[in-house]
Amino acid sequence: MNMMGDLFFLVPLLSLLFYVILIGFGVFIALSLLKQGKERNVLLKEIAEELRKR
């Protein structure tokens, strides 16, 4: 096969793969930040309840 034809076929696929990976990484970061926020809120709620008992 023609080497240039193969290269032009792969470029759009690689760019699409790059954007899919980028979007996936962004979703992963957003979900991990939300999880950390929930854990922090639970911890702060426990601390507040402990301080109210005093």
C-alpha atoms as a PDB file:
ATOM      1  CA  MET A   1       0.000   0.000   0.000  1.00  0.00           C
ATOM      2  CA  ASN A   2       0.908   3.634  -0.294  1.00  0.00           C
ATOM      3  CA  MET A   3       2.679   4.930   2.819  1.00  0.00           C
ATOM      4  CA  MET A   4       1.208   8.457   2.520  1.00  0.00           C
ATOM      5  CA  GLY A   5      -2.312   7.068   2.158  1.00  0.00           C
ATOM      6  CA  ASP A   6      -1.904   5.064   5.348  1.00  0.00           C
ATOM      7  CA  LEU A   7      -0.550   8.110   7.168  1.00  0.00           C
ATOM      8  CA  PHE A   8      -3.489  10.297   6.116  1.00  0.00           C
ATOM      9  CA  PHE A   9      -5.832   7.541   7.274  1.00  0.00           C
ATOM     10  CA  LEU A  10      -4.235   7.359  10.722  1.00  0.00           C
ATOM     11  CA  VAL A  11      -4.081  11.097  11.512  1.00  0.00           C
ATOM     12  CA  PRO A  12      -7.848  11.581  12.045  1.00  0.00           C
ATOM     13  CA  LEU A  13      -8.028   8.406  14.117  1.00  0.00           C
ATOM     14  CA  LEU A  14      -5.153   9.520  16.320  1.00  0.00           C
ATOM     15  CA  SER A  15      -6.648  12.967  16.820  1.00  0.00           C
ATOM     16  CA  LEU A  16     -10.017  11.419  17.709  1.00  0.00           C
ATOM     17  CA  LEU A  17      -8.309   9.068  20.158  1.00  0.00           C
ATOM     18  CA  PHE A  18      -6.469  12.023  21.701  1.00  0.00           C
ATOM     19  CA  TYR A  19      -9.703  13.926  22.312  1.00  0.00           C
ATOM     20  CA  VAL A  20     -11.467  10.865  23.735  1.00  0.00           C
ATOM     21  CA  ILE A  21      -8.578  10.310  26.155  1.00  0.00           C
ATOM     22  CA  LEU A  22      -8.581  14.008  27.078  1.00  0.00           C
ATOM     23  CA  ILE A  23     -12.327  13.997  27.779  1.00  0.00           C
ATOM     24  CA  GLY A  24     -12.029  10.772  29.767  1.00  0.00           C
ATOM     25  CA  PHE A  25      -9.235  12.259  31.865  1.00  0.00           C
ATOM     26  CA  GLY A  26     -11.332  15.382  32.506  1.00  0.00           C
ATOM     27  CA  VAL A  27     -14.286  13.290  33.662  1.00  0.00           C
ATOM     28  CA  PHE A  28     -11.987  11.256  35.926  1.00  0.00           C
ATOM     29  CA  ILE A  29     -10.592  14.438  37.515  1.00  0.00           C
ATOM     30  CA  ALA A  30     -14.090  15.888  38.028  1.00  0.00           C
ATOM     31  CA  LEU A  31     -15.386  12.705  39.658  1.00  0.00           C
ATOM     32  CA  SER A  32     -12.373  12.400  41.933  1.00  0.00           C
ATOM     33  CA  LEU A  33     -12.775  16.031  43.043  1.00  0.00           C
ATOM     34  CA  LEU A  34     -16.441  15.429  43.814  1.00  0.00           C
ATOM     35  CA  LYS A  35     -15.546  12.323  45.824  1.00  0.00           C
ATOM     36  CA  GLN A  36     -12.921  14.242  47.801  1.00  0.00           C
ATOM     37  CA  GLY A  37     -15.433  17.004  48.506  1.00  0.00           C
ATOM     38  CA  LYS A  38     -17.981  14.520  49.839  1.00  0.00           C
ATOM     39  CA  GLU A  39     -15.375  12.876  52.075  1.00  0.00           C
ATOM     40  CA  ARG A  40     -14.271  16.285  53.385  1.00  0.00           C
ATOM     41  CA  ASN A  41     -17.881  17.255  54.137  1.00  0.00           C
ATOM     42  CA  VAL A  42     -18.465  14.039  56.069  1.00  0.00           C
ATOM     43  CA  LEU A  43     -15.313  14.635  58.097  1.00  0.00           C
ATOM     44  CA  LEU A  44     -16.252  18.247  58.796  1.00  0.00           C
ATOM     45  CA  LYS A  45     -19.735  17.158  59.886  1.00  0.00           C
ATOM     46  CA  GLU A  46     -18.208  14.656  62.339  1.00  0.00           C
ATOM     47  CA  ILE A  47     -15.898  17.356  63.719  1.00  0.00           C
ATOM     48  CA  ALA A  48     -18.800  19.794  64.117  1.00  0.00           C
ATOM     49  CA  GLU A  49     -20.883  17.188  65.966  1.00  0.00           C
ATOM     50  CA  GLU A  50     -17.937  16.436  68.273  1.00  0.00           C
ATOM     51  CA  LEU A  51     -17.506  20.133  69.036  1.00  0.00           C
ATOM     52  CA  ARG A  52     -21.230  20.510  69.810  1.00  0.00           C
ATOM     53  CA  LYS A  53     -20.989  17.741  72.408  1.00  0.00           C
ATOM     54  CA  ARG A  54     -18.424  19.682  74.420  1.00  0.00           C
END
